[in-house]
């Protein structure tokens, strides 16, 4: 036998052979037809299309024998790999190197062999197209060898076509898998994909389109016009213009619009896409995303921002009023600073509690507890309920004036003095009424006229105005030998009690 191929060359050859994905494949009529035709042309009882891998010669198609493969070490076609030219052995029985070959011995012994290399486009030899006879043949004409070579070239052409088909099928399979994975990803992301044939108006949907466009979207939104019937009438022209603009070079499809589902639910969608030519047809492809929640959040933010601006204006107005009135009632700069500091702290206390909840309503109990932490020796008990911002500011200012008076003139001027703030909420005439009791104990005995909260002055006016005007309530003050007693009553919304 001839010398074997260099290992590096054989490695490259085997890689090329595997690239055709033909080894151990089933029978194929195209190759069987070539084998039969070759046997007929050369009047040969045996013919085969053979491929040689690491260890064997494998017969893709064969005529005249039943073996599927033989060991590479006894293959006659191995010589073709090295020669890269047609090989003719006129009488195998006279060649010692083929002794013991099962194709050369036995009842159907092969005496004649002629094989042409199966030469791949990259120059590697993959195997051979060969014929055999049970009797020797001598003086084979060159034109017959040329025919055998031509038939081998037909085998390679068929292999190239087969590989192209295999690659195309694999590409289609991979594309189908990729499409399935994309649809799954879009579905999990609540995104719908679309592909619109702009000539026919037909829509091919994918992803979460039924979740977004409705459970009947495969029928009700299968065409552009039927889908437009679901688009909000005020947004249809915008969508049409965006679709038309996308056909211009360098432009994209991008728009935001509303759809109305059969249930009457309105959803906001965003659309993104590109124009392309698919198989020669104008196509718009892209995605839809449900942004209803985001739009709702933006609207809520806009409303909250507007509400915040409104409340800030009210707060600044209150500040200006307090500063001006405090200035008019103060006895000195130090007195002014002290008074304004306390009143601004009351405002801050109310605003902080509002901020801790929803900035619209606040906890009355939290407001009183915060006051008790600011002024030691104050105790409070009572149920919690919610008050609006204006009411929170008003009651905070009232309690601050009472606490300031207790520090300056009342129970909190002594080490043993104590202030208790108790309140109840009771129904009366169809609404809930807060009854609050401010009681000072252990303070100095004093007359009512000696205090700002029970006589004339800004503190007294602030309390009266806050209770009667802002809270629509009533206030009663009286002095006892033990200190100030103040009762306040005002209504609270029914849904404010917790």
Protein backbone atom coordinates (compact mmCIF):
# COMPACT_ATOMS: atom_id res chain seq x y z
CA UNK A 1 0.00 0.00 0.00
CA UNK A 2 1.06 3.61 -0.56
CA UNK A 3 2.30 5.79 2.26
CA UNK A 4 -0.39 7.36 4.41
CA UNK A 5 -1.25 11.07 4.33
CA UNK A 6 0.64 13.48 6.56
CA UNK A 7 -1.31 13.80 9.86
CA UNK A 8 -1.85 17.55 9.42
CA UNK A 9 -3.26 17.05 5.92
CA UNK A 10 -5.48 14.22 7.11
CA UNK A 11 -6.75 16.36 10.00
CA UNK A 12 -7.78 19.09 7.57
CA UNK A 13 -9.34 16.54 5.26
CA UNK A 14 -11.38 14.96 8.05
CA UNK A 15 -12.63 18.39 9.18
CA UNK A 16 -13.80 19.10 5.63
CA UNK A 17 -15.51 15.70 5.45
CA UNK A 18 -17.37 16.25 8.74
CA UNK A 19 -18.51 19.63 7.47
CA UNK A 20 -20.68 17.88 4.90
CA UNK A 21 -22.51 15.93 7.65
CA UNK A 22 -22.73 12.91 5.36
CA UNK A 23 -21.00 10.15 7.31
CA UNK A 24 -23.41 7.47 8.57
CA UNK A 25 -26.34 9.19 6.86
CA UNK A 26 -29.11 7.10 5.40
CA UNK A 27 -29.60 6.14 1.75
CA UNK A 28 -30.32 9.02 -0.61
CA UNK A 29 -31.75 8.57 -4.08
CA UNK A 30 -29.49 11.21 -5.67
CA UNK A 31 -26.32 9.32 -4.72
CA UNK A 32 -27.82 5.89 -5.48
CA UNK A 33 -28.72 7.16 -8.94
CA UNK A 34 -25.11 8.24 -9.58
CA UNK A 35 -23.78 4.87 -8.39
CA UNK A 36 -26.16 2.91 -10.64
CA UNK A 37 -25.40 5.15 -13.62
CA UNK A 38 -21.66 4.71 -13.09
CA UNK A 39 -22.01 0.93 -12.94
CA UNK A 40 -24.08 1.00 -16.17
CA UNK A 41 -21.71 3.29 -18.05
CA UNK A 42 -18.69 1.14 -17.26
CA UNK A 43 -20.55 -2.21 -17.33
CA UNK A 44 -19.15 -2.92 -13.88
CA UNK A 45 -20.72 -5.41 -11.48
CA UNK A 46 -19.54 -3.28 -8.52
CA UNK A 47 -19.54 0.47 -7.90
CA UNK A 48 -19.48 2.69 -4.84
CA UNK A 49 -19.34 6.24 -3.50
CA UNK A 50 -16.95 5.90 -0.56
CA UNK A 51 -15.77 8.27 2.16
CA UNK A 52 -12.74 7.58 4.29
CA UNK A 53 -12.60 8.76 7.91
CA UNK A 54 -10.05 8.04 10.64
CA UNK A 55 -10.58 4.29 10.81
CA UNK A 56 -12.71 3.10 7.91
CA UNK A 57 -13.88 3.36 4.37
CA UNK A 58 -17.62 3.98 4.59
CA UNK A 59 -19.85 3.27 1.59
CA UNK A 60 -22.47 5.96 1.15
CA UNK A 61 -23.93 4.15 -1.86
CA UNK A 62 -22.93 0.77 -3.31
CA UNK A 63 -23.82 -1.65 -6.12
CA UNK A 64 -22.78 -5.32 -6.15
CA UNK A 65 -21.92 -5.88 -2.47
CA UNK A 66 -23.62 -5.56 0.92
CA UNK A 67 -20.89 -4.32 3.26
CA UNK A 68 -21.45 -0.86 4.82
CA UNK A 69 -17.78 -0.26 5.55
CA UNK A 70 -14.32 -1.84 5.72
CA UNK A 71 -11.26 -1.07 7.80
CA UNK A 72 -9.21 1.81 6.47
CA UNK A 73 -6.02 -0.25 6.67
CA UNK A 74 -7.25 -2.59 3.88
CA UNK A 75 -9.01 0.02 1.77
CA UNK A 76 -7.98 0.16 -1.87
CA UNK A 77 -9.36 3.72 -2.12
CA UNK A 78 -6.85 4.96 0.49
CA UNK A 79 -4.30 5.17 -2.33
CA UNK A 80 -6.55 7.71 -4.07
CA UNK A 81 -6.23 10.04 -1.06
CA UNK A 82 -2.47 10.20 -1.52
CA UNK A 83 -2.37 10.22 -5.34
CA UNK A 84 -5.18 12.85 -5.72
CA UNK A 85 -5.57 11.33 -9.21
CA UNK A 86 -7.61 8.44 -10.62
CA UNK A 87 -6.24 5.03 -9.60
CA UNK A 88 -6.48 1.93 -11.84
CA UNK A 89 -5.46 -1.56 -10.69
CA UNK A 90 -5.96 -3.95 -13.64
CA UNK A 91 -5.53 -7.18 -11.65
CA UNK A 92 -5.73 -6.96 -7.86
CA UNK A 93 -4.80 -10.61 -7.43
CA UNK A 94 -1.32 -9.87 -8.69
CA UNK A 95 -0.77 -7.09 -6.17
CA UNK A 96 0.68 -8.52 -2.94
CA UNK A 97 -0.36 -5.46 -0.92
CA UNK A 98 -4.05 -6.36 -1.39
CA UNK A 99 -3.69 -9.92 -0.17
CA UNK A 100 -6.23 -10.74 2.49
CA UNK A 101 -8.51 -7.88 1.49
CA UNK A 102 -12.11 -9.17 1.82
CA UNK A 103 -13.00 -7.41 -1.42
CA UNK A 104 -10.26 -9.31 -3.27
CA UNK A 105 -10.89 -12.78 -1.83
CA UNK A 106 -13.94 -14.97 -1.55
CA UNK A 107 -16.65 -16.06 -3.96
CA UNK A 108 -17.26 -12.55 -5.30
CA UNK A 109 -13.60 -11.54 -5.34
CA UNK A 110 -12.82 -8.22 -7.04
CA UNK A 111 -9.99 -8.38 -9.56
CA UNK A 112 -10.26 -4.94 -11.16
CA UNK A 113 -10.45 -1.50 -9.48
CA UNK A 114 -10.68 1.99 -10.93
CA UNK A 115 -11.36 4.96 -8.68
CA UNK A 116 -11.55 8.76 -9.08
CA UNK A 117 -10.95 11.10 -6.14
CA UNK A 118 -13.88 12.99 -4.60
CA UNK A 119 -12.13 16.34 -4.58
CA UNK A 120 -13.75 19.05 -2.42
CA UNK A 121 -13.64 22.72 -3.54
CA UNK A 122 -10.90 23.43 -0.97
CA UNK A 123 -8.65 20.80 -2.59
CA UNK A 124 -8.99 18.01 -0.03
CA UNK A 125 -9.83 14.43 -1.07
CA UNK A 126 -12.78 13.05 0.85
CA UNK A 127 -12.97 9.59 -0.69
CA UNK A 128 -13.50 8.00 -4.11
CA UNK A 129 -16.08 7.08 -6.70
CA UNK A 130 -14.91 3.66 -7.84
CA UNK A 131 -15.92 0.66 -9.94
CA UNK A 132 -14.84 -2.97 -9.62
CA UNK A 133 -15.02 -6.17 -11.64
CA UNK A 134 -14.59 -9.85 -10.86
CA UNK A 135 -12.27 -10.23 -13.86
CA UNK A 136 -9.17 -8.26 -14.77
CA UNK A 137 -9.41 -5.39 -17.23
CA UNK A 138 -6.47 -4.20 -19.28
CA UNK A 139 -5.61 -1.11 -21.25
CA UNK A 140 -8.31 1.26 -19.85
CA UNK A 141 -8.75 4.17 -22.32
CA UNK A 142 -8.09 7.70 -21.03
CA UNK A 143 -11.54 8.88 -22.07
CA UNK A 144 -13.08 6.32 -19.68
CA UNK A 145 -10.98 7.65 -16.82
CA UNK A 146 -12.11 11.16 -17.74
CA UNK A 147 -15.72 9.98 -17.56
CA UNK A 148 -15.09 8.48 -14.14
CA UNK A 149 -13.52 11.76 -13.01
CA UNK A 150 -16.57 13.68 -14.35
CA UNK A 151 -18.91 11.38 -12.45
CA UNK A 152 -16.86 12.05 -9.29
CA UNK A 153 -17.29 15.78 -9.88
CA UNK A 154 -21.05 15.23 -10.11
CA UNK A 155 -20.89 13.50 -6.71
CA UNK A 156 -19.14 16.56 -5.24
CA UNK A 157 -21.71 18.88 -6.81
CA UNK A 158 -24.48 16.80 -5.26
CA UNK A 159 -22.69 16.97 -1.91
CA UNK A 160 -22.41 20.76 -2.17
CA UNK A 161 -26.10 20.99 -2.96
CA UNK A 162 -26.89 18.63 -0.10
CA UNK A 163 -24.77 20.67 2.30
CA UNK A 164 -26.48 23.86 1.17
CA UNK A 165 -29.85 22.29 1.84
CA UNK A 166 -28.70 21.02 5.24
CA UNK A 167 -27.30 24.44 6.16
CA UNK A 168 -30.48 26.14 4.99
CA UNK A 169 -32.64 23.75 6.99
CA UNK A 170 -30.41 24.28 10.01
CA UNK A 171 -30.59 28.03 9.53
CA UNK A 172 -34.38 27.83 9.30
CA UNK A 173 -34.44 25.67 12.41
CA UNK A 174 -32.16 28.09 14.24
CA UNK A 175 -34.29 31.00 13.06
CA UNK A 176 -37.42 29.25 14.30
CA UNK A 177 -35.75 28.63 17.67
CA UNK A 178 -34.55 32.23 17.82
CA UNK A 179 -38.03 33.45 16.92
CA UNK A 180 -39.54 31.21 19.59
CA UNK A 181 -37.03 32.46 22.16
CA UNK A 182 -37.72 36.06 21.11
CA UNK A 183 -41.47 35.54 21.40
CA UNK A 184 -40.98 34.01 24.85
CA UNK A 185 -38.73 36.88 25.92
CA UNK A 186 -41.20 39.46 24.61
CA UNK A 187 -44.12 37.64 26.25
CA UNK A 188 -42.32 37.57 29.60
CA UNK A 189 -41.46 41.25 29.16
CA UNK A 190 -45.06 42.16 28.29
CA UNK A 191 -43.97 43.35 24.84
CA UNK A 192 -45.70 42.56 21.54
CA UNK A 193 -43.84 42.25 18.25
CA UNK A 194 -45.45 43.04 14.90
CA UNK A 195 -44.61 42.61 11.23
CA UNK A 196 -46.85 44.52 8.83
CA UNK A 197 -46.98 43.83 5.09
CA UNK A 198 -47.60 47.37 3.87
CA UNK A 199 -49.03 46.13 0.55
CA UNK A 200 -51.62 43.73 1.93
CA UNK A 201 -52.03 45.33 5.37
CA UNK A 202 -51.71 41.92 7.05
CA UNK A 203 -50.12 41.86 10.51
CA UNK A 204 -48.02 39.03 11.91
CA UNK A 205 -47.99 39.27 15.72
CA UNK A 206 -45.66 37.80 18.32
CA UNK A 207 -44.86 38.10 22.01
CA UNK A 208 -47.52 39.33 24.44
CA UNK A 209 -49.80 40.81 21.75
CA UNK A 210 -52.99 39.21 23.11
CA UNK A 211 -52.19 40.48 26.60
CA UNK A 212 -51.75 44.01 25.25
CA UNK A 213 -54.25 44.23 22.37
CA UNK A 214 -56.84 41.87 23.84
CA UNK A 215 -57.49 38.13 23.87
CA UNK A 216 -59.15 38.35 20.43
CA UNK A 217 -56.23 40.23 18.84
CA UNK A 218 -55.29 37.30 16.57
CA UNK A 219 -58.57 37.90 14.75
CA UNK A 220 -59.62 41.45 15.64
CA UNK A 221 -56.17 42.97 14.97
CA UNK A 222 -54.90 40.73 12.17
CA UNK A 223 -55.02 43.58 9.63
CA UNK A 224 -54.01 47.23 9.79
CA UNK A 225 -57.54 48.58 9.38
CA UNK A 226 -59.07 46.29 12.00
CA UNK A 227 -56.23 47.15 14.37
CA UNK A 228 -56.84 50.87 13.73
CA UNK A 229 -60.45 50.36 14.78
CA UNK A 230 -59.06 49.62 18.24
CA UNK A 231 -56.82 52.73 18.27
CA UNK A 232 -58.31 55.77 20.02
CA UNK A 233 -59.93 58.04 17.43
CA UNK A 234 -57.85 61.01 18.60
CA UNK A 235 -54.60 59.09 18.01
CA UNK A 236 -55.24 57.34 14.68
CA UNK A 237 -53.87 60.10 12.49
CA UNK A 238 -50.74 60.31 14.64
CA UNK A 239 -50.09 56.59 14.18
CA UNK A 240 -50.71 56.78 10.41
CA UNK A 241 -48.29 59.68 10.09
CA UNK A 242 -45.64 57.78 12.08
CA UNK A 243 -46.05 54.72 9.84
CA UNK A 244 -45.76 56.83 6.72
CA UNK A 245 -42.72 58.72 8.02
CA UNK A 246 -40.91 55.44 8.76
CA UNK A 247 -40.70 54.61 5.04
CA UNK A 248 -38.34 57.57 4.44
CA UNK A 249 -34.60 56.76 4.42
CA UNK A 250 -33.01 56.93 7.86
CA UNK A 251 -36.35 57.36 9.67
CA UNK A 252 -37.79 55.15 12.39
CA UNK A 253 -41.32 54.28 13.44
CA UNK A 254 -41.85 55.79 16.86
CA UNK A 255 -45.12 56.93 18.42
CA UNK A 256 -47.28 56.86 21.55
CA UNK A 257 -50.99 56.18 21.33
CA UNK A 258 -54.05 54.82 23.11
CA UNK A 259 -56.14 51.75 22.33
CA UNK A 260 -59.62 50.93 23.57
CA UNK A 261 -60.33 47.28 24.39
CA UNK A 262 -63.79 45.75 23.93
CA UNK A 263 -64.27 46.04 27.70
CA UNK A 264 -63.86 49.81 27.41
CA UNK A 265 -60.47 49.81 29.12
CA UNK A 266 -58.05 52.39 27.71
CA UNK A 267 -54.40 51.52 27.44
CA UNK A 268 -51.40 53.62 26.47
CA UNK A 269 -48.91 51.98 24.10
CA UNK A 270 -45.50 52.91 22.74
CA UNK A 271 -44.56 51.75 19.25
CA UNK A 272 -41.03 51.40 17.85
CA UNK A 273 -40.00 49.91 14.53
CA UNK A 274 -38.14 50.00 11.23
CA UNK A 275 -39.10 49.91 7.57
CA UNK A 276 -37.46 47.20 5.46
CA UNK A 277 -37.86 45.21 2.26
CA UNK A 278 -38.65 41.58 3.16
CA UNK A 279 -38.59 39.28 0.14
CA UNK A 280 -39.14 42.29 -2.05
CA UNK A 281 -42.20 43.46 -0.11
CA UNK A 282 -42.42 46.71 1.91
CA UNK A 283 -42.59 45.76 5.57
CA UNK A 284 -42.84 47.61 8.87
CA UNK A 285 -41.53 45.58 11.78
CA UNK A 286 -41.26 46.56 15.43
CA UNK A 287 -42.69 46.26 18.93
CA UNK A 288 -45.52 47.61 21.10
CA UNK A 289 -45.13 48.15 24.83
CA UNK A 290 -47.90 48.79 27.34
CA UNK A 291 -46.97 52.00 29.20
CA UNK A 292 -50.34 52.61 30.86
CA UNK A 293 -48.89 52.27 34.36
CA UNK A 294 -46.06 54.66 33.53
CA UNK A 295 -48.47 57.23 32.06
CA UNK A 296 -50.68 56.93 35.15
CA UNK A 297 -47.66 57.49 37.36
CA UNK A 298 -46.65 60.53 35.34
CA UNK A 299 -50.15 61.93 35.65
CA UNK A 300 -50.13 61.30 39.41
CA UNK A 301 -46.74 63.00 39.65
CA UNK A 302 -48.06 65.97 37.70
CA UNK A 303 -51.09 66.25 40.01
CA UNK A 304 -48.92 65.86 43.11
CA UNK A 305 -46.52 68.50 41.84
CA UNK A 306 -49.37 70.88 41.19
CA UNK A 307 -50.79 70.12 44.64
CA UNK A 308 -47.38 70.69 46.19
CA UNK A 309 -47.07 74.07 44.49
CA UNK A 310 -50.54 74.98 45.78
CA UNK A 311 -49.65 73.95 49.32
CA UNK A 312 -46.33 75.76 49.22
CA UNK A 313 -48.13 78.94 48.21
CA UNK A 314 -50.53 78.47 51.13
CA UNK A 315 -47.63 77.80 53.47
CA UNK A 316 -45.77 80.91 52.37
CA UNK A 317 -48.95 82.95 52.78
CA UNK A 318 -49.35 81.57 56.32
CA UNK A 319 -45.72 82.36 57.09
CA UNK A 320 -46.05 85.92 55.85
CA UNK A 321 -49.19 86.41 57.92
CA UNK A 322 -47.61 84.99 61.08
CA UNK A 323 -44.45 87.04 60.65
CA UNK A 324 -46.37 90.26 60.08
CA UNK A 325 -48.80 89.77 62.98
CA UNK A 326 -46.06 88.58 65.33
CA UNK A 327 -44.05 91.68 64.51
CA UNK A 328 -47.01 93.89 65.41
CA UNK A 329 -47.55 92.15 68.77
CA UNK A 330 -43.94 91.69 69.85
CA UNK A 331 -42.48 93.86 72.62
CA UNK A 332 -38.87 93.63 71.44
CA UNK A 333 -36.57 91.98 68.92
CA UNK A 334 -35.86 89.15 71.33
CA UNK A 335 -39.57 88.74 72.02
CA UNK A 336 -40.22 88.69 68.26
CA UNK A 337 -37.54 86.07 67.65
CA UNK A 338 -38.82 83.86 70.45
CA UNK A 339 -42.44 84.09 69.35
CA UNK A 340 -41.71 83.55 65.65
CA UNK A 341 -39.40 80.63 66.42
CA UNK A 342 -42.12 78.82 68.35
CA UNK A 343 -44.75 79.41 65.67
CA UNK A 344 -42.45 78.33 62.86
CA UNK A 345 -41.64 75.18 64.86
CA UNK A 346 -45.37 74.46 65.05
CA UNK A 347 -45.66 74.86 61.30
CA UNK A 348 -42.67 72.59 60.75
CA UNK A 349 -44.13 70.01 63.12
CA UNK A 350 -47.34 69.84 61.13
CA UNK A 351 -45.56 69.74 57.76
CA UNK A 352 -43.22 66.95 58.88
CA UNK A 353 -46.12 64.76 59.97
CA UNK A 354 -47.88 65.43 56.67
CA UNK A 355 -44.69 64.51 54.82
CA UNK A 356 -44.41 61.26 56.75
CA UNK A 357 -47.78 60.13 55.39
CA UNK A 358 -49.06 61.36 52.03
CA UNK A 359 -48.67 65.15 52.39
CA UNK A 360 -52.44 65.46 52.04
CA UNK A 361 -53.55 64.32 55.50
CA UNK A 362 -51.72 63.82 58.77
CA UNK A 363 -52.06 62.02 62.10
CA UNK A 364 -53.54 64.11 64.91
CA UNK A 365 -52.15 61.77 67.58
CA UNK A 366 -48.66 62.03 66.07
CA UNK A 367 -48.89 65.81 66.14
CA UNK A 368 -49.78 65.86 69.85
CA UNK A 369 -47.13 63.26 70.73
CA UNK A 370 -44.52 65.34 68.94
CA UNK A 371 -45.58 68.39 70.97
CA UNK A 372 -45.26 66.38 74.20
CA UNK A 373 -41.70 65.38 73.25
CA UNK A 374 -40.86 69.03 72.61
CA UNK A 375 -42.23 70.18 75.98
CA UNK A 376 -41.39 67.88 78.94
CA UNK A 377 -44.04 67.22 81.56
CA UNK A 378 -46.82 67.06 79.00
CA UNK A 379 -48.98 63.92 78.75
CA UNK A 380 -51.56 62.96 76.13
CA UNK A 381 -54.21 60.29 75.53
CA UNK A 382 -56.81 59.84 72.81
CA UNK A 383 -57.67 58.02 69.58
CA UNK A 384 -55.95 58.78 66.31
CA UNK A 385 -57.64 60.33 63.29
CA UNK A 386 -56.57 62.07 60.12
CA UNK A 387 -56.77 65.79 59.42
CA UNK A 388 -56.25 67.73 56.21
CA UNK A 389 -53.21 69.95 55.79
CA UNK A 390 -54.98 73.21 56.70
CA UNK A 391 -56.53 71.64 59.80
CA UNK A 392 -53.18 70.17 60.85
CA UNK A 393 -51.51 73.58 60.57
CA UNK A 394 -54.32 75.27 62.49
CA UNK A 395 -54.41 72.81 65.42
CA UNK A 396 -50.60 72.77 65.57
CA UNK A 397 -50.52 76.56 65.96
CA UNK A 398 -53.25 76.42 68.63
CA UNK A 399 -51.44 73.77 70.69
CA UNK A 400 -48.15 75.64 70.29
CA UNK A 401 -49.71 78.86 71.65
CA UNK A 402 -51.15 76.96 74.61
CA UNK A 403 -47.78 75.27 75.29
CA UNK A 404 -45.89 78.56 74.97
CA UNK A 405 -48.29 80.17 77.44
CA UNK A 406 -47.82 77.23 79.86
CA UNK A 407 -44.04 77.72 79.72
CA UNK A 408 -44.25 81.50 80.28
CA UNK A 409 -47.20 81.85 82.63
CA UNK A 410 -48.68 78.43 83.44
CA UNK A 411 -47.93 75.00 84.83
CA UNK A 412 -44.63 74.51 82.99
CA UNK A 413 -43.06 77.43 84.86
CA UNK A 414 -42.65 75.20 87.95
CA UNK A 415 -40.69 71.99 88.39
CA UNK A 416 -43.79 70.09 89.52
CA UNK A 417 -46.15 71.50 86.93
CA UNK A 418 -47.87 69.15 84.49
CA UNK A 419 -50.02 69.55 81.38
CA UNK A 420 -52.43 66.84 80.19
CA UNK A 421 -54.01 66.81 76.76
CA UNK A 422 -56.94 64.38 76.44
CA UNK A 423 -59.43 64.04 73.65
CA UNK A 424 -62.30 61.87 72.50
CA UNK A 425 -64.14 61.52 69.20
CA UNK A 426 -67.92 61.17 69.50
CA UNK A 427 -70.72 61.20 66.91
CA UNK A 428 -73.01 64.19 66.98
CA UNK A 429 -75.68 65.22 64.47
CA UNK A 430 -74.35 62.89 61.79
CA UNK A 431 -70.67 63.77 62.12
CA UNK A 432 -67.75 63.04 64.42
CA UNK A 433 -66.78 65.73 66.89
CA UNK A 434 -63.39 65.98 68.56
CA UNK A 435 -63.61 67.09 72.20
CA UNK A 436 -60.14 68.12 73.41
CA UNK A 437 -59.28 69.06 76.98
CA UNK A 438 -56.14 71.05 77.88
CA UNK A 439 -55.52 70.90 81.64
CA UNK A 440 -52.65 72.44 83.59
CA UNK A 441 -51.76 71.17 87.07
CA UNK A 442 -49.36 72.39 89.72
CA UNK A 443 -48.81 75.80 88.17
CA UNK A 444 -48.91 79.23 89.82
CA UNK A 445 -52.25 80.78 90.58
CA UNK A 446 -52.90 83.61 88.17
CA UNK A 447 -55.69 85.63 86.68
CA UNK A 448 -56.88 85.11 83.17
CA UNK A 449 -55.93 88.62 82.18
CA UNK A 450 -52.31 87.84 82.84
CA UNK A 451 -52.10 85.37 79.94
CA UNK A 452 -52.04 85.98 76.21
CA UNK A 453 -54.20 82.94 75.46
CA UNK A 454 -57.18 84.16 77.44
CA UNK A 455 -57.13 87.84 76.75
CA UNK A 456 -56.43 90.18 73.88
CA UNK A 457 -53.33 89.89 71.71
CA UNK A 458 -52.10 87.99 68.70
CA UNK A 459 -51.80 84.64 70.55
CA UNK A 460 -55.41 84.79 71.68
CA UNK A 461 -56.57 85.99 68.24
CA UNK A 462 -54.60 83.22 66.54
CA UNK A 463 -56.23 80.56 68.71
CA UNK A 464 -59.73 81.92 68.24
CA UNK A 465 -59.31 82.34 64.49
CA UNK A 466 -57.82 78.85 64.06
CA UNK A 467 -60.56 77.13 66.07
CA UNK A 468 -63.64 79.04 64.94
CA UNK A 469 -62.72 79.84 61.33
CA UNK A 470 -60.33 77.17 60.13
CA UNK A 471 -61.61 74.23 62.18
CA UNK A 472 -65.25 75.41 62.41
CA UNK A 473 -65.16 74.63 66.10
CA UNK A 474 -65.58 76.23 69.53
CA UNK A 475 -63.20 77.04 72.40
CA UNK A 476 -63.75 77.75 76.07
CA UNK A 477 -61.07 78.92 78.55
CA UNK A 478 -61.14 79.17 82.31
CA UNK A 479 -58.56 79.59 85.02
CA UNK A 480 -58.61 77.57 88.22
CA UNK A 481 -56.40 77.75 91.26
CA UNK A 482 -54.39 74.88 89.71
CA UNK A 483 -53.98 76.41 86.26
CA UNK A 484 -55.62 76.89 82.85
CA UNK A 485 -58.50 74.68 81.69
CA UNK A 486 -59.28 74.87 77.99
CA UNK A 487 -61.86 72.82 76.08
CA UNK A 488 -61.92 72.73 72.30
CA UNK A 489 -64.52 71.05 70.06
CA UNK A 490 -64.31 70.72 66.27
CA UNK A 491 -65.67 68.35 63.62
CA UNK A 492 -63.56 65.71 61.84
CA UNK A 493 -64.42 63.84 58.60
CA UNK A 494 -66.05 60.44 59.14
CA UNK A 495 -63.25 58.61 57.28
CA UNK A 496 -60.59 60.28 59.43
CA UNK A 497 -61.01 58.04 62.53
CA UNK A 498 -58.48 55.16 62.71
